[in-house]
């Protein structure tokens, strides 16, 4: 995998993780208003985006496991960071929505 491919993969992960992050923050706003069905639907939509980002990440891991030399890309590193924090945000949002729902 060359640097350009690595950078494009990084942008793909950032895009999916960013969409998920936006949906999760919308879910929190919906829960704050008592719109729990909407909040849960947004969490599910975010999860679809996270799965897409994870699929892109998995393709990278498979290439490395197969012995392919991977070029370093700051964009890819940023994508990995963005995905990790979005997954953490999803876990946190599920707990916050639960707390709003059961207060």
PDB file of N, CA and C in Angstrom:
ATOM      1  N   UNK A   1       0.857  -1.173   0.000  1.00  0.00           N
ATOM      2  CA  UNK A   1       0.000   0.000   0.000  1.00  0.00           C
ATOM      3  C   UNK A   1       0.900   1.232   0.000  1.00  0.00           C
ATOM      4  N   UNK A   2       0.693   2.087  -0.974  1.00  0.00           N
ATOM      5  CA  UNK A   2       1.513   3.292  -1.046  1.00  0.00           C
ATOM      6  C   UNK A   2       0.906   4.411  -0.188  1.00  0.00           C
ATOM      7  N   UNK A   3       1.612   5.512  -0.116  1.00  0.00           N
ATOM      8  CA  UNK A   3       1.182   6.630   0.741  1.00  0.00           C
ATOM      9  C   UNK A   3      -0.175   7.193   0.311  1.00  0.00           C
ATOM     10  N   UNK A   4      -0.403   7.309  -0.980  1.00  0.00           N
ATOM     11  CA  UNK A   4      -1.681   7.844  -1.460  1.00  0.00           C
ATOM     12  C   UNK A   4      -2.847   6.939  -1.048  1.00  0.00           C
ATOM     13  N   UNK A   5      -2.672   5.636  -1.193  1.00  0.00           N
ATOM     14  CA  UNK A   5      -3.723   4.687  -0.787  1.00  0.00           C
ATOM     15  C   UNK A   5      -3.966   4.750   0.717  1.00  0.00           C
ATOM     16  N   UNK A   6      -2.895   4.880   1.472  1.00  0.00           N
ATOM     17  CA  UNK A   6      -2.998   4.985   2.918  1.00  0.00           C
ATOM     18  C   UNK A   6      -3.752   6.255   3.318  1.00  0.00           C
ATOM     19  N   UNK A   7      -3.453   7.341   2.646  1.00  0.00           N
ATOM     20  CA  UNK A   7      -4.132   8.607   2.924  1.00  0.00           C
ATOM     21  C   UNK A   7      -5.614   8.520   2.575  1.00  0.00           C
ATOM     22  N   UNK A   8      -5.936   7.921   1.438  1.00  0.00           N
ATOM     23  CA  UNK A   8      -7.345   7.771   1.048  1.00  0.00           C
ATOM     24  C   UNK A   8      -8.108   6.906   2.036  1.00  0.00           C
ATOM     25  N   UNK A   9      -7.482   5.851   2.505  1.00  0.00           N
ATOM     26  CA  UNK A   9      -8.114   5.001   3.508  1.00  0.00           C
ATOM     27  C   UNK A   9      -8.338   5.792   4.790  1.00  0.00           C
ATOM     28  N   UNK A  10      -7.388   6.630   5.150  1.00  0.00           N
ATOM     29  CA  UNK A  10      -7.548   7.492   6.317  1.00  0.00           C
ATOM     30  C   UNK A  10      -8.729   8.434   6.175  1.00  0.00           C
ATOM     31  N   UNK A  11      -8.886   9.039   4.996  1.00  0.00           N
ATOM     32  CA  UNK A  11     -10.030   9.921   4.755  1.00  0.00           C
ATOM     33  C   UNK A  11     -11.348   9.159   4.850  1.00  0.00           C
ATOM     34  N   UNK A  12     -11.354   7.936   4.360  1.00  0.00           N
ATOM     35  CA  UNK A  12     -12.567   7.110   4.436  1.00  0.00           C
ATOM     36  C   UNK A  12     -12.950   6.854   5.898  1.00  0.00           C
ATOM     37  N   UNK A  13     -11.983   6.499   6.700  1.00  0.00           N
ATOM     38  CA  UNK A  13     -12.257   6.245   8.119  1.00  0.00           C
ATOM     39  C   UNK A  13     -12.721   7.525   8.814  1.00  0.00           C
ATOM     40  N   UNK A  14     -12.062   8.642   8.530  1.00  0.00           N
ATOM     41  CA  UNK A  14     -12.458   9.923   9.126  1.00  0.00           C
ATOM     42  C   UNK A  14     -13.889  10.274   8.742  1.00  0.00           C
ATOM     43  N   UNK A  15     -14.240  10.080   7.486  1.00  0.00           N
ATOM     44  CA  UNK A  15     -15.590  10.435   7.024  1.00  0.00           C
ATOM     45  C   UNK A  15     -16.656   9.605   7.730  1.00  0.00           C
ATOM     46  N   UNK A  16     -16.474   8.298   7.777  1.00  0.00           N
ATOM     47  CA  UNK A  16     -17.474   7.446   8.435  1.00  0.00           C
ATOM     48  C   UNK A  16     -17.529   7.721   9.940  1.00  0.00           C
ATOM     49  N   UNK A  17     -16.363   7.857  10.566  1.00  0.00           N
ATOM     50  CA  UNK A  17     -16.336   8.121  12.004  1.00  0.00           C
ATOM     51  C   UNK A  17     -16.930   9.499  12.307  1.00  0.00           C
ATOM     52  N   UNK A  18     -16.667  10.464  11.448  1.00  0.00           N
ATOM     53  CA  UNK A  18     -17.225  11.802  11.634  1.00  0.00           C
ATOM     54  C   UNK A  18     -18.739  11.816  11.510  1.00  0.00           C
ATOM     55  N   UNK A  19     -19.270  11.079  10.534  1.00  0.00           N
ATOM     56  CA  UNK A  19     -20.731  10.965  10.407  1.00  0.00           C
ATOM     57  C   UNK A  19     -21.324  10.328  11.659  1.00  0.00           C
ATOM     58  N   UNK A  20     -20.662   9.293  12.157  1.00  0.00           N
ATOM     59  CA  UNK A  20     -21.146   8.617  13.360  1.00  0.00           C
ATOM     60  C   UNK A  20     -21.130   9.575  14.550  1.00  0.00           C
ATOM     61  N   UNK A  21     -20.059  10.326  14.683  1.00  0.00           N
ATOM     62  CA  UNK A  21     -19.943  11.272  15.797  1.00  0.00           C
ATOM     63  C   UNK A  21     -21.070  12.297  15.762  1.00  0.00           C
ATOM     64  N   UNK A  22     -21.356  12.824  14.585  1.00  0.00           N
ATOM     65  CA  UNK A  22     -22.447  13.802  14.454  1.00  0.00           C
ATOM     66  C   UNK A  22     -23.785  13.202  14.858  1.00  0.00           C
ATOM     67  N   UNK A  23     -24.044  11.980  14.420  1.00  0.00           N
ATOM     68  CA  UNK A  23     -25.299  11.312  14.765  1.00  0.00           C
ATOM     69  C   UNK A  23     -25.397  11.054  16.273  1.00  0.00           C
ATOM     70  N   UNK A  24     -24.281  10.723  16.897  1.00  0.00           N
ATOM     71  CA  UNK A  24     -24.285  10.476  18.334  1.00  0.00           C
ATOM     72  C   UNK A  24     -24.568  11.750  19.119  1.00  0.00           C
ATOM     73  N   UNK A  25     -24.019  12.855  18.675  1.00  0.00           N
ATOM     74  CA  UNK A  25     -24.304  14.120  19.356  1.00  0.00           C
ATOM     75  C   UNK A  25     -25.754  14.542  19.135  1.00  0.00           C
ATOM     76  N   UNK A  26     -26.304  14.258  17.956  1.00  0.00           N
ATOM     77  CA  UNK A  26     -27.730  14.500  17.714  1.00  0.00           C
ATOM     78  C   UNK A  26     -28.578  13.618  18.622  1.00  0.00           C
ATOM     79  N   UNK A  27     -28.133  12.387  18.839  1.00  0.00           N
ATOM     80  CA  UNK A  27     -28.856  11.462  19.706  1.00  0.00           C
ATOM     81  C   UNK A  27     -28.914  12.004  21.136  1.00  0.00           C
ATOM     82  N   UNK A  28     -27.818  12.575  21.602  1.00  0.00           N
ATOM     83  CA  UNK A  28     -27.808  13.152  22.947  1.00  0.00           C
ATOM     84  C   UNK A  28     -28.795  14.306  23.034  1.00  0.00           C
ATOM     85  N   UNK A  29     -28.805  15.168  22.028  1.00  0.00           N
ATOM     86  CA  UNK A  29     -29.739  16.296  22.017  1.00  0.00           C
ATOM     87  C   UNK A  29     -31.184  15.806  22.022  1.00  0.00           C
ATOM     88  N   UNK A  30     -31.460  14.747  21.264  1.00  0.00           N
ATOM     89  CA  UNK A  30     -32.812  14.184  21.241  1.00  0.00           C
ATOM     90  C   UNK A  30     -33.181  13.622  22.613  1.00  0.00           C
ATOM     91  N   UNK A  31     -32.264  12.934  23.252  1.00  0.00           N
ATOM     92  CA  UNK A  31     -32.534  12.369  24.580  1.00  0.00           C
ATOM     93  C   UNK A  31     -32.789  13.474  25.596  1.00  0.00           C
ATOM     94  N   UNK A  32     -32.055  14.563  25.487  1.00  0.00           N
ATOM     95  CA  UNK A  32     -32.257  15.685  26.407  1.00  0.00           C
ATOM     96  C   UNK A  32     -33.662  16.256  26.272  1.00  0.00           C
ATOM     97  N   UNK A  33     -34.249  16.148  25.082  1.00  0.00           N
ATOM     98  CA  UNK A  33     -35.611  16.638  24.834  1.00  0.00           C
ATOM     99  C   UNK A  33     -36.669  15.579  25.118  1.00  0.00           C
ATOM    100  N   UNK A  34     -36.232  14.394  25.542  1.00  0.00           N
ATOM    101  CA  UNK A  34     -37.179  13.315  25.817  1.00  0.00           C
ATOM    102  C   UNK A  34     -37.589  12.531  24.583  1.00  0.00           C
ATOM    103  N   UNK A  35     -36.909  12.727  23.470  1.00  0.00           N
ATOM    104  CA  UNK A  35     -37.227  12.039  22.209  1.00  0.00           C
ATOM    105  C   UNK A  35     -36.381  10.765  22.115  1.00  0.00           C
ATOM    106  N   UNK A  36     -36.751   9.768  22.921  1.00  0.00           N
ATOM    107  CA  UNK A  36     -35.904   8.594  23.078  1.00  0.00           C
ATOM    108  C   UNK A  36     -35.911   7.660  21.876  1.00  0.00           C
ATOM    109  N   UNK A  37     -37.035   7.563  21.180  1.00  0.00           N
ATOM    110  CA  UNK A  37     -37.044   6.737  19.967  1.00  0.00           C
ATOM    111  C   UNK A  37     -36.096   7.316  18.922  1.00  0.00           C
ATOM    112  N   UNK A  38     -36.131   8.636  18.767  1.00  0.00           N
ATOM    113  CA  UNK A  38     -35.236   9.295  17.819  1.00  0.00           C
ATOM    114  C   UNK A  38     -33.782   9.125  18.258  1.00  0.00           C
ATOM    115  N   UNK A  39     -33.526   9.261  19.539  1.00  0.00           N
ATOM    116  CA  UNK A  39     -32.161   9.117  20.052  1.00  0.00           C
ATOM    117  C   UNK A  39     -31.631   7.717  19.755  1.00  0.00           C
ATOM    118  N   UNK A  40     -32.447   6.712  20.011  1.00  0.00           N
ATOM    119  CA  UNK A  40     -32.006   5.334  19.775  1.00  0.00           C
ATOM    120  C   UNK A  40     -31.808   5.060  18.281  1.00  0.00           C
ATOM    121  N   UNK A  41     -32.664   5.646  17.439  1.00  0.00           N
ATOM    122  CA  UNK A  41     -32.505   5.481  15.987  1.00  0.00           C
ATOM    123  C   UNK A  41     -31.195   6.131  15.517  1.00  0.00           C
ATOM    124  N   UNK A  42     -30.870   7.266  16.082  1.00  0.00           N
ATOM    125  CA  UNK A  42     -29.621   7.942  15.718  1.00  0.00           C
ATOM    126  C   UNK A  42     -28.398   7.148  16.175  1.00  0.00           C
ATOM    127  N   UNK A  43     -28.486   6.515  17.325  1.00  0.00           N
ATOM    128  CA  UNK A  43     -27.380   5.664  17.781  1.00  0.00           C
ATOM    129  C   UNK A  43     -27.207   4.491  16.820  1.00  0.00           C
ATOM    130  N   UNK A  44     -28.313   3.911  16.376  1.00  0.00           N
ATOM    131  CA  UNK A  44     -28.231   2.805  15.410  1.00  0.00           C
ATOM    132  C   UNK A  44     -27.638   3.277  14.082  1.00  0.00           C
ATOM    133  N   UNK A  45     -28.042   4.453  13.618  1.00  0.00           N
ATOM    134  CA  UNK A  45     -27.486   5.004  12.378  1.00  0.00           C
ATOM    135  C   UNK A  45     -25.993   5.268  12.540  1.00  0.00           C
ATOM    136  N   UNK A  46     -25.602   5.741  13.710  1.00  0.00           N
ATOM    137  CA  UNK A  46     -24.181   5.968  13.986  1.00  0.00           C
ATOM    138  C   UNK A  46     -23.426   4.649  13.964  1.00  0.00           C
ATOM    139  N   UNK A  47     -24.047   3.618  14.488  1.00  0.00           N
ATOM    140  CA  UNK A  47     -23.389   2.312  14.515  1.00  0.00           C
ATOM    141  C   UNK A  47     -23.129   1.793  13.097  1.00  0.00           C
ATOM    142  N   UNK A  48     -24.033   2.049  12.176  1.00  0.00           N
ATOM    143  CA  UNK A  48     -23.824   1.654  10.773  1.00  0.00           C
ATOM    144  C   UNK A  48     -22.573   2.340  10.227  1.00  0.00           C
ATOM    145  N   UNK A  49     -22.421   3.612  10.532  1.00  0.00           N
ATOM    146  CA  UNK A  49     -21.232   4.362  10.092  1.00  0.00           C
ATOM    147  C   UNK A  49     -19.965   3.808  10.742  1.00  0.00           C
ATOM    148  N   UNK A  50     -20.062   3.460  12.013  1.00  0.00           N
ATOM    149  CA  UNK A  50     -18.904   2.897  12.716  1.00  0.00           C
ATOM    150  C   UNK A  50     -18.493   1.573  12.093  1.00  0.00           C
ATOM    151  N   UNK A  51     -19.469   0.763  11.723  1.00  0.00           N
ATOM    152  CA  UNK A  51     -19.163  -0.515  11.073  1.00  0.00           C
ATOM    153  C   UNK A  51     -18.434  -0.277   9.752  1.00  0.00           C
ATOM    154  N   UNK A  52     -18.868   0.718   8.990  1.00  0.00           N
ATOM    155  CA  UNK A  52     -18.197   1.040   7.725  1.00  0.00           C
ATOM    156  C   UNK A  52     -16.756   1.488   7.967  1.00  0.00           C
ATOM    157  N   UNK A  53     -16.556   2.321   8.972  1.00  0.00           N
ATOM    158  CA  UNK A  53     -15.200   2.756   9.306  1.00  0.00           C
ATOM    159  C   UNK A  53     -14.355   1.566   9.761  1.00  0.00           C
ATOM    160  N   UNK A  54     -14.971   0.704  10.539  1.00  0.00           N
ATOM    161  CA  UNK A  54     -14.255  -0.472  11.021  1.00  0.00           C
ATOM    162  C   UNK A  54     -13.892  -1.399   9.865  1.00  0.00           C
ATOM    163  N   UNK A  55     -14.778  -1.510   8.883  1.00  0.00           N
ATOM    164  CA  UNK A  55     -14.479  -2.335   7.704  1.00  0.00           C
ATOM    165  C   UNK A  55     -13.259  -1.801   6.958  1.00  0.00           C
ATOM    166  N   UNK A  56     -13.175  -0.488   6.832  1.00  0.00           N
ATOM    167  CA  UNK A  56     -12.008   0.119   6.181  1.00  0.00           C
ATOM    168  C   UNK A  56     -10.753  -0.163   6.999  1.00  0.00           C
ATOM    169  N   UNK A  57     -10.868  -0.060   8.305  1.00  0.00           N
ATOM    170  CA  UNK A  57      -9.741  -0.347   9.185  1.00  0.00           C
ATOM    171  C   UNK A  57      -9.323  -1.812   9.071  1.00  0.00           C
ATOM    172  N   UNK A  58     -10.302  -2.699   9.002  1.00  0.00           N
ATOM    173  CA  UNK A  58     -10.012  -4.129   8.908  1.00  0.00           C
ATOM    174  C   UNK A  58      -9.264  -4.462   7.624  1.00  0.00           C
ATOM    175  N   UNK A  59      -9.592  -3.779   6.532  1.00  0.00           N
ATOM    176  CA  UNK A  59      -8.868  -4.025   5.281  1.00  0.00           C
ATOM    177  C   UNK A  59      -7.390  -3.686   5.452  1.00  0.00           C
ATOM    178  N   UNK A  60      -7.117  -2.645   6.206  1.00  0.00           N
ATOM    179  CA  UNK A  60      -5.735  -2.256   6.487  1.00  0.00           C
ATOM    180  C   UNK A  60      -5.035  -3.331   7.318  1.00  0.00           C
ATOM    181  N   UNK A  61      -5.705  -3.806   8.339  1.00  0.00           N
ATOM    182  CA  UNK A  61      -5.129  -4.840   9.206  1.00  0.00           C
ATOM    183  C   UNK A  61      -4.863  -6.132   8.429  1.00  0.00           C
ATOM    184  N   UNK A  62      -5.770  -6.465   7.519  1.00  0.00           N
ATOM    185  CA  UNK A  62      -5.583  -7.674   6.706  1.00  0.00           C
ATOM    186  C   UNK A  62      -4.355  -7.545   5.814  1.00  0.00           C
ATOM    187  N   UNK A  63      -4.165  -6.372   5.244  1.00  0.00           N
ATOM    188  CA  UNK A  63      -2.998  -6.149   4.379  1.00  0.00           C
ATOM    189  C   UNK A  63      -1.710  -6.280   5.182  1.00  0.00           C
ATOM    190  N   UNK A  64      -1.707  -5.699   6.370  1.00  0.00           N
ATOM    191  CA  UNK A  64      -0.506  -5.795   7.187  1.00  0.00           C
ATOM    192  C   UNK A  64      -0.258  -7.246   7.617  1.00  0.00           C
ATOM    193  N   UNK A  65      -1.315  -7.958   7.991  1.00  0.00           N
ATOM    194  CA  UNK A  65      -1.188  -9.358   8.403  1.00  0.00           C
ATOM    195  C   UNK A  65      -0.676 -10.228   7.258  1.00  0.00           C
ATOM    196  N   UNK A  66      -0.996  -9.836   6.021  1.00  0.00           N
ATOM    197  CA  UNK A  66      -0.543 -10.584   4.849  1.00  0.00           C
ATOM    198  C   UNK A  66       0.905 -10.241   4.486  1.00  0.00           C
ATOM    199  N   UNK A  67       1.507  -9.334   5.237  1.00  0.00           N
ATOM    200  CA  UNK A  67       2.905  -8.999   4.997  1.00  0.00           C
ATOM    201  C   UNK A  67       3.122  -7.814   4.080  1.00  0.00           C
ATOM    202  N   UNK A  68       2.047  -7.141   3.701  1.00  0.00           N
ATOM    203  CA  UNK A  68       2.193  -5.981   2.815  1.00  0.00           C
ATOM    204  C   UNK A  68       2.824  -4.819   3.586  1.00  0.00           C
ATOM    205  N   UNK A  69       3.733  -4.126   2.929  1.00  0.00           N
ATOM    206  CA  UNK A  69       4.380  -2.969   3.522  1.00  0.00           C
ATOM    207  C   UNK A  69       3.427  -1.780   3.419  1.00  0.00           C
ATOM    208  N   UNK A  70       3.121  -1.163   4.546  1.00  0.00           N
ATOM    209  CA  UNK A  70       2.180  -0.053   4.580  1.00  0.00           C
ATOM    210  C   UNK A  70       2.909   1.263   4.767  1.00  0.00           C
ATOM    211  N   UNK A  71       2.559   2.227   3.945  1.00  0.00           N
ATOM    212  CA  UNK A  71       3.160   3.557   4.046  1.00  0.00           C
ATOM    213  C   UNK A  71       2.485   4.335   5.176  1.00  0.00           C
ATOM    214  N   UNK A  72       3.261   5.114   5.892  1.00  0.00           N
ATOM    215  CA  UNK A  72       2.738   5.938   6.973  1.00  0.00           C
ATOM    216  C   UNK A  72       1.978   7.134   6.408  1.00  0.00           C
ATOM    217  N   UNK A  73       0.855   7.439   7.022  1.00  0.00           N
ATOM    218  CA  UNK A  73       0.074   8.603   6.636  1.00  0.00           C
ATOM    219  C   UNK A  73      -0.503   9.239   7.895  1.00  0.00           C
ATOM    220  N   UNK A  74      -0.283  10.512   8.068  1.00  0.00           N
ATOM    221  CA  UNK A  74      -0.860  11.220   9.211  1.00  0.00           C
ATOM    222  C   UNK A  74      -2.384  11.184   9.116  1.00  0.00           C
ATOM    223  N   UNK A  75      -2.914  11.229   7.912  1.00  0.00           N
ATOM    224  CA  UNK A  75      -4.365  11.168   7.722  1.00  0.00           C
ATOM    225  C   UNK A  75      -4.909   9.834   8.222  1.00  0.00           C
ATOM    226  N   UNK A  76      -4.200   8.768   7.935  1.00  0.00           N
ATOM    227  CA  UNK A  76      -4.622   7.461   8.431  1.00  0.00           C
ATOM    228  C   UNK A  76      -4.556   7.423   9.957  1.00  0.00           C
ATOM    229  N   UNK A  77      -3.503   7.960  10.516  1.00  0.00           N
ATOM    230  CA  UNK A  77      -3.373   8.011  11.974  1.00  0.00           C
ATOM    231  C   UNK A  77      -4.526   8.821  12.575  1.00  0.00           C
ATOM    232  N   UNK A  78      -4.867   9.925  11.940  1.00  0.00           N
ATOM    233  CA  UNK A  78      -5.987  10.751  12.395  1.00  0.00           C
ATOM    234  C   UNK A  78      -7.292   9.964  12.307  1.00  0.00           C
ATOM    235  N   UNK A  79      -7.470   9.207  11.238  1.00  0.00           N
ATOM    236  CA  UNK A  79      -8.669   8.387  11.089  1.00  0.00           C
ATOM    237  C   UNK A  79      -8.789   7.358  12.197  1.00  0.00           C
ATOM    238  N   UNK A  80      -7.675   6.714  12.525  1.00  0.00           N
ATOM    239  CA  UNK A  80      -7.677   5.729  13.604  1.00  0.00           C
ATOM    240  C   UNK A  80      -8.074   6.389  14.926  1.00  0.00           C
ATOM    241  N   UNK A  81      -7.515   7.562  15.178  1.00  0.00           N
ATOM    242  CA  UNK A  81      -7.828   8.298  16.397  1.00  0.00           C
ATOM    243  C   UNK A  81      -9.303   8.690  16.426  1.00  0.00           C
ATOM    244  N   UNK A  82      -9.783   9.174  15.305  1.00  0.00           N
ATOM    245  CA  UNK A  82     -11.181   9.606  15.199  1.00  0.00           C
ATOM    246  C   UNK A  82     -12.126   8.422  15.432  1.00  0.00           C
ATOM    247  N   UNK A  83     -11.810   7.285  14.851  1.00  0.00           N
ATOM    248  CA  UNK A  83     -12.646   6.096  15.029  1.00  0.00           C
ATOM    249  C   UNK A  83     -12.649   5.659  16.491  1.00  0.00           C
ATOM    250  N   UNK A  84     -11.492   5.615  17.113  1.00  0.00           N
ATOM    251  CA  UNK A  84     -11.402   5.180  18.503  1.00  0.00           C
ATOM    252  C   UNK A  84     -12.232   6.078  19.420  1.00  0.00           C
ATOM    253  N   UNK A  85     -12.130   7.389  19.246  1.00  0.00           N
ATOM    254  CA  UNK A  85     -12.888   8.286  20.122  1.00  0.00           C
ATOM    255  C   UNK A  85     -14.382   8.222  19.826  1.00  0.00           C
ATOM    256  N   UNK A  86     -14.748   7.938  18.589  1.00  0.00           N
ATOM    257  CA  UNK A  86     -16.165   7.821  18.241  1.00  0.00           C
ATOM    258  C   UNK A  86     -16.770   6.565  18.853  1.00  0.00           C
ATOM    259  N   UNK A  87     -16.030   5.475  18.859  1.00  0.00           N
ATOM    260  CA  UNK A  87     -16.516   4.253  19.496  1.00  0.00           C
ATOM    261  C   UNK A  87     -16.718   4.498  20.991  1.00  0.00           C
ATOM    262  N   UNK A  88     -15.793   5.193  21.611  1.00  0.00           N
ATOM    263  CA  UNK A  88     -15.934   5.539  23.027  1.00  0.00           C
ATOM    264  C   UNK A  88     -17.156   6.435  23.232  1.00  0.00           C
ATOM    265  N   UNK A  89     -17.349   7.403  22.342  1.00  0.00           N
ATOM    266  CA  UNK A  89     -18.500   8.293  22.427  1.00  0.00           C
ATOM    267  C   UNK A  89     -19.805   7.503  22.320  1.00  0.00           C
ATOM    268  N   UNK A  90     -19.843   6.508  21.438  1.00  0.00           N
ATOM    269  CA  UNK A  90     -21.051   5.686  21.299  1.00  0.00           C
ATOM    270  C   UNK A  90     -21.385   4.988  22.613  1.00  0.00           C
ATOM    271  N   UNK A  91     -20.388   4.402  23.240  1.00  0.00           N
ATOM    272  CA  UNK A  91     -20.620   3.736  24.524  1.00  0.00           C
ATOM    273  C   UNK A  91     -21.139   4.723  25.567  1.00  0.00           C
ATOM    274  N   UNK A  92     -20.545   5.891  25.607  1.00  0.00           N
ATOM    275  CA  UNK A  92     -20.969   6.917  26.553  1.00  0.00           C
ATOM    276  C   UNK A  92     -22.391   7.398  26.255  1.00  0.00           C
ATOM    277  N   UNK A  93     -22.716   7.610  24.986  1.00  0.00           N
ATOM    278  CA  UNK A  93     -24.056   8.081  24.618  1.00  0.00           C
ATOM    279  C   UNK A  93     -25.124   7.073  25.025  1.00  0.00           C
ATOM    280  N   UNK A  94     -24.832   5.797  24.868  1.00  0.00           N
ATOM    281  CA  UNK A  94     -25.816   4.787  25.260  1.00  0.00           C
ATOM    282  C   UNK A  94     -26.113   4.887  26.758  1.00  0.00           C
ATOM    283  N   UNK A  95     -25.101   5.130  27.558  1.00  0.00           N
ATOM    284  CA  UNK A  95     -25.302   5.283  29.002  1.00  0.00           C
ATOM    285  C   UNK A  95     -26.055   6.581  29.319  1.00  0.00           C
ATOM    286  N   UNK A  96     -25.686   7.662  28.653  1.00  0.00           N
ATOM    287  CA  UNK A  96     -26.363   8.935  28.904  1.00  0.00           C
ATOM    288  C   UNK A  96     -27.831   8.884  28.494  1.00  0.00           C
ATOM    289  N   UNK A  97     -28.118   8.270  27.368  1.00  0.00           N
ATOM    290  CA  UNK A  97     -29.517   8.142  26.930  1.00  0.00           C
ATOM    291  C   UNK A  97     -30.303   7.330  27.947  1.00  0.00           C
ATOM    292  N   UNK A  98     -29.701   6.260  28.437  1.00  0.00           N
ATOM    293  CA  UNK A  98     -30.349   5.444  29.468  1.00  0.00           C
ATOM    294  C   UNK A  98     -30.650   6.291  30.705  1.00  0.00           C
ATOM    295  N   UNK A  99     -29.688   7.107  31.126  1.00  0.00           N
ATOM    296  CA  UNK A  99     -29.899   7.938  32.305  1.00  0.00           C
ATOM    297  C   UNK A  99     -31.003   8.964  32.078  1.00  0.00           C
ATOM    298  N   UNK A 100     -31.041   9.605  30.926  1.00  0.00           N
ATOM    299  CA  UNK A 100     -32.110  10.543  30.610  1.00  0.00           C
ATOM    300  C   UNK A 100     -33.463   9.832  30.599  1.00  0.00           C
ATOM    301  N   UNK A 101     -33.493   8.664  30.054  1.00  0.00           N
ATOM    302  CA  UNK A 101     -34.742   7.901  29.918  1.00  0.00           C
ATOM    303  C   UNK A 101     -35.280   7.451  31.272  1.00  0.00           C
ATOM    304  N   UNK A 102     -34.406   7.193  32.201  1.00  0.00           N
ATOM    305  CA  UNK A 102     -34.817   6.617  33.485  1.00  0.00           C
ATOM    306  C   UNK A 102     -34.632   7.577  34.669  1.00  0.00           C
ATOM    307  N   UNK A 103     -34.712   8.862  34.403  1.00  0.00           N
ATOM    308  CA  UNK A 103     -34.546   9.805  35.510  1.00  0.00           C
ATOM    309  C   UNK A 103     -35.867  10.112  36.163  1.00  0.00           C
TER     310      UNK A 103
END
